[in-house]
Amino acid sequence: MGCKLTQSLGNKDCKYVLAGASKMWLANWYPPVEGEAAAEGVIAYSFDTDGMIDKITLPGTEKFYEIDGSENTLSYADTLLLGGNGGKYRQHTINAVLSKNDQEMVDQGDALSLGRFLGVVLGKDGKLKVLGRTGGLAAPAGGMDFNSGAAEADAAGWTFIQQGSSTEIGKLLTSLSAISIAPAPEVVP
């Protein structure tokens, strides 16, 4: 692929547009390879003829885990950055506020603070975006902090940020059936 424009680009479709994301999933990150077969220590990606990812195969028993943020707090960014000597790269970022503050959250807090992940985000536009494929996503400083708020109406919860450098624009995923999602934990009233 060269750096030449190959088609005209129109503006927005004639429809309503909502900002933000509605769901996200994280899997533990491993280096990428192309293909469909599972292999130890890598994540295999299969692409359709349009260049969209149509299957992600995680190693071993790894799964994607749903991260459910508070309403209107899920978002993502795919930002072009400029390094030294004019080198360009991308920064992928996932954001949320997690209001859950129980033992399950405490048990996963160190992994979310110290681990490296692959992210899939469902935008409110209905598009599934894969972020962190080439280098993974990790919590930056302030990326896994709890704030109780002070007044009754203050926001409270975990500020959740996962961020990483990438050598590609986040790829589109054809459908959720392309990934293996862990079952949601049973909620006991």
Protein backbone atom coordinates (compact mmCIF):
# COMPACT_ATOMS: atom_id res chain seq x y z
CA MET A 1 0.00 0.00 0.00
CA GLY A 2 1.42 3.35 -0.99
CA CYS A 3 0.77 6.80 0.38
CA LYS A 4 -1.31 7.97 -2.58
CA LEU A 5 -5.01 8.79 -2.36
CA THR A 6 -6.97 6.27 -4.45
CA GLN A 7 -10.59 7.45 -4.26
CA SER A 8 -12.83 10.45 -3.58
CA LEU A 9 -14.32 10.78 -0.11
CA GLY A 10 -17.77 12.27 0.48
CA ASN A 11 -19.04 13.89 3.66
CA LYS A 12 -21.47 12.47 6.25
CA ASP A 13 -24.34 10.22 5.28
CA CYS A 14 -27.76 11.85 5.49
CA LYS A 15 -28.63 10.44 8.92
CA TYR A 16 -28.38 11.22 12.62
CA VAL A 17 -24.97 10.75 14.22
CA LEU A 18 -24.24 9.96 17.88
CA ALA A 19 -20.78 10.36 19.36
CA GLY A 20 -19.15 7.89 21.70
CA ALA A 21 -19.10 4.14 22.10
CA SER A 22 -21.65 1.75 23.56
CA LYS A 23 -19.57 -1.34 24.42
CA MET A 24 -15.98 -2.48 24.57
CA TRP A 25 -14.11 -5.74 24.95
CA LEU A 26 -10.51 -6.39 25.97
CA ALA A 27 -8.29 -9.43 25.44
CA ASN A 28 -4.76 -9.95 26.69
CA TRP A 29 -2.38 -8.72 23.97
CA TYR A 30 0.01 -10.92 21.97
CA PRO A 31 1.92 -10.05 18.77
CA PRO A 32 -0.17 -10.19 15.56
CA VAL A 33 0.13 -12.71 12.72
CA GLU A 34 -2.03 -13.19 9.65
CA GLY A 35 -4.06 -16.39 9.38
CA GLU A 36 -6.89 -18.33 10.99
CA ALA A 37 -5.06 -20.99 12.98
CA ALA A 38 -4.51 -20.63 16.71
CA ALA A 39 -0.87 -20.52 17.73
CA GLU A 40 0.90 -20.17 21.06
CA GLY A 41 1.98 -16.63 21.95
CA VAL A 42 0.36 -14.80 19.00
CA ILE A 43 -3.05 -13.51 17.90
CA ALA A 44 -4.08 -14.57 14.39
CA TYR A 45 -6.06 -12.12 12.22
CA SER A 46 -7.99 -13.08 9.10
CA PHE A 47 -9.09 -10.36 6.63
CA ASP A 48 -11.93 -10.27 4.10
CA THR A 49 -11.49 -8.96 0.55
CA ASP A 50 -12.35 -5.39 1.68
CA GLY A 51 -9.51 -5.35 4.24
CA MET A 52 -11.79 -5.74 7.28
CA ILE A 53 -10.91 -8.23 10.00
CA ASP A 54 -13.33 -11.14 9.79
CA LYS A 55 -11.78 -13.39 12.46
CA ILE A 56 -9.52 -12.92 15.48
CA THR A 57 -8.08 -16.13 16.93
CA LEU A 58 -6.60 -15.78 20.42
CA PRO A 59 -4.01 -18.24 21.74
CA GLY A 60 -5.00 -21.12 24.03
CA THR A 61 -8.02 -20.45 26.23
CA GLU A 62 -7.80 -16.64 26.01
CA LYS A 63 -11.08 -14.73 25.56
CA PHE A 64 -12.35 -11.20 25.13
CA TYR A 65 -13.90 -9.68 28.27
CA GLU A 66 -16.66 -7.05 28.13
CA ILE A 67 -15.92 -3.75 29.87
CA ASP A 68 -19.18 -1.97 30.64
CA GLY A 69 -18.73 1.68 31.54
CA SER A 70 -21.15 4.15 33.06
CA GLU A 71 -23.64 5.71 30.65
CA ASN A 72 -22.12 8.18 28.18
CA THR A 73 -18.53 7.60 29.36
CA LEU A 74 -17.26 5.10 26.75
CA SER A 75 -15.16 6.59 23.97
CA TYR A 76 -12.13 5.89 21.82
CA ALA A 77 -9.61 7.83 19.77
CA ASP A 78 -7.29 6.94 16.89
CA THR A 79 -4.87 9.87 16.74
CA LEU A 80 -2.06 10.69 14.30
CA LEU A 81 1.13 11.77 16.12
CA LEU A 82 4.45 13.10 14.90
CA GLY A 83 7.70 11.83 16.39
CA GLY A 84 11.31 12.92 16.01
CA ASN A 85 12.66 13.51 12.51
CA GLY A 86 9.13 13.61 11.09
CA GLY A 87 8.23 9.99 11.83
CA LYS A 88 4.46 9.49 12.06
CA TYR A 89 2.58 6.94 14.12
CA ARG A 90 -0.86 6.50 15.65
CA GLN A 91 -2.03 6.46 19.26
CA HIS A 92 -5.07 4.34 20.08
CA THR A 93 -6.98 5.23 23.26
CA ILE A 94 -10.01 3.70 25.00
CA ASN A 95 -11.76 5.64 27.80
CA ALA A 96 -14.52 4.83 30.28
CA VAL A 97 -15.72 5.49 33.79
CA LEU A 98 -16.37 2.27 35.67
CA SER A 99 -18.69 2.90 38.60
CA LYS A 100 -18.39 -0.65 39.93
CA ASN A 101 -16.50 -0.66 43.22
CA ASP A 102 -16.66 -4.18 44.63
CA GLN A 103 -14.35 -7.16 45.14
CA GLU A 104 -14.60 -8.20 41.46
CA MET A 105 -13.29 -4.78 40.46
CA VAL A 106 -10.51 -4.91 43.05
CA ASP A 107 -9.54 -8.40 41.83
CA GLN A 108 -9.13 -7.14 38.23
CA GLY A 109 -7.62 -3.74 39.13
CA ASP A 110 -3.98 -4.85 39.01
CA ALA A 111 -4.44 -6.53 35.61
CA LEU A 112 -6.13 -3.41 34.23
CA SER A 113 -3.36 -1.25 35.72
CA LEU A 114 -0.37 -3.34 34.64
CA GLY A 115 -1.46 -5.50 31.68
CA ARG A 116 -1.37 -4.96 27.93
CA PHE A 117 -4.51 -5.50 25.86
CA LEU A 118 -6.18 -5.70 22.48
CA GLY A 119 -9.40 -3.67 22.34
CA VAL A 120 -12.59 -3.95 20.32
CA VAL A 121 -14.96 -1.00 20.58
CA LEU A 122 -18.55 -0.73 19.33
CA GLY A 123 -19.14 2.88 18.35
CA LYS A 124 -22.61 4.38 18.59
CA ASP A 125 -22.40 4.51 14.78
CA GLY A 126 -22.61 0.68 14.80
CA LYS A 127 -19.00 0.17 13.64
CA LEU A 128 -16.67 -2.25 15.43
CA LYS A 129 -13.08 -0.96 15.67
CA VAL A 130 -10.00 -3.02 16.64
CA LEU A 131 -7.46 -0.95 18.60
CA GLY A 132 -3.97 -1.85 19.82
CA ARG A 133 -3.44 -4.66 17.30
CA THR A 134 0.21 -3.90 16.53
CA GLY A 135 1.49 -2.80 19.95
CA GLY A 136 -1.23 -3.32 22.54
CA LEU A 137 -2.96 -0.94 24.92
CA ALA A 138 -1.87 -0.23 28.50
CA ALA A 139 -2.95 2.11 31.29
CA PRO A 140 -1.01 5.39 31.29
CA ALA A 141 -0.48 7.42 34.47
CA GLY A 142 -3.98 8.16 35.78
CA GLY A 143 -5.43 5.34 33.67
CA MET A 144 -6.85 3.29 36.53
CA ASP A 145 -7.74 5.74 39.32
CA PHE A 146 -10.72 5.74 41.69
CA ASN A 147 -12.42 8.96 42.74
CA SER A 148 -15.27 8.97 45.27
CA GLY A 149 -16.45 12.48 44.42
CA ALA A 150 -17.24 14.94 47.23
CA ALA A 151 -20.83 16.15 46.86
CA GLU A 152 -23.86 13.92 46.36
CA ALA A 153 -24.18 14.81 42.66
CA ASP A 154 -20.46 14.37 41.83
CA ALA A 155 -19.36 11.65 39.46
CA ALA A 156 -17.73 8.72 41.23
CA GLY A 157 -15.89 5.70 39.90
CA TRP A 158 -12.77 4.38 38.25
CA THR A 159 -11.24 6.50 35.48
CA PHE A 160 -10.32 3.81 32.97
CA ILE A 161 -7.90 4.58 30.13
CA GLN A 162 -6.02 2.15 27.90
CA GLN A 163 -3.60 3.64 25.39
CA GLY A 164 -0.88 2.52 23.02
CA SER A 165 1.23 3.38 19.99
CA SER A 166 0.30 1.77 16.71
CA THR A 167 1.65 1.52 13.19
CA GLU A 168 -1.81 1.43 11.61
CA ILE A 169 -5.23 3.06 11.71
CA GLY A 170 -7.55 0.89 13.81
CA LYS A 171 -9.03 -1.83 11.62
CA LEU A 172 -12.75 -2.42 11.24
CA LEU A 173 -14.19 -5.74 12.43
CA THR A 174 -16.93 -7.34 10.32
CA SER A 175 -19.07 -8.54 13.27
CA LEU A 176 -18.93 -9.64 16.89
CA SER A 177 -19.05 -13.26 15.75
CA ALA A 178 -15.40 -12.74 14.69
CA ILE A 179 -14.26 -12.78 18.33
CA SER A 180 -14.61 -15.20 21.24
CA ILE A 181 -16.25 -13.41 24.19
CA ALA A 182 -16.16 -14.80 27.73
CA PRO A 183 -19.61 -15.32 29.25
CA ALA A 184 -20.81 -12.53 31.55
CA PRO A 185 -20.58 -13.34 35.25
CA GLU A 186 -23.82 -14.36 36.90
CA VAL A 187 -25.36 -11.55 38.91
CA VAL A 188 -26.76 -12.70 42.26
CA PRO A 189 -29.35 -10.35 43.79
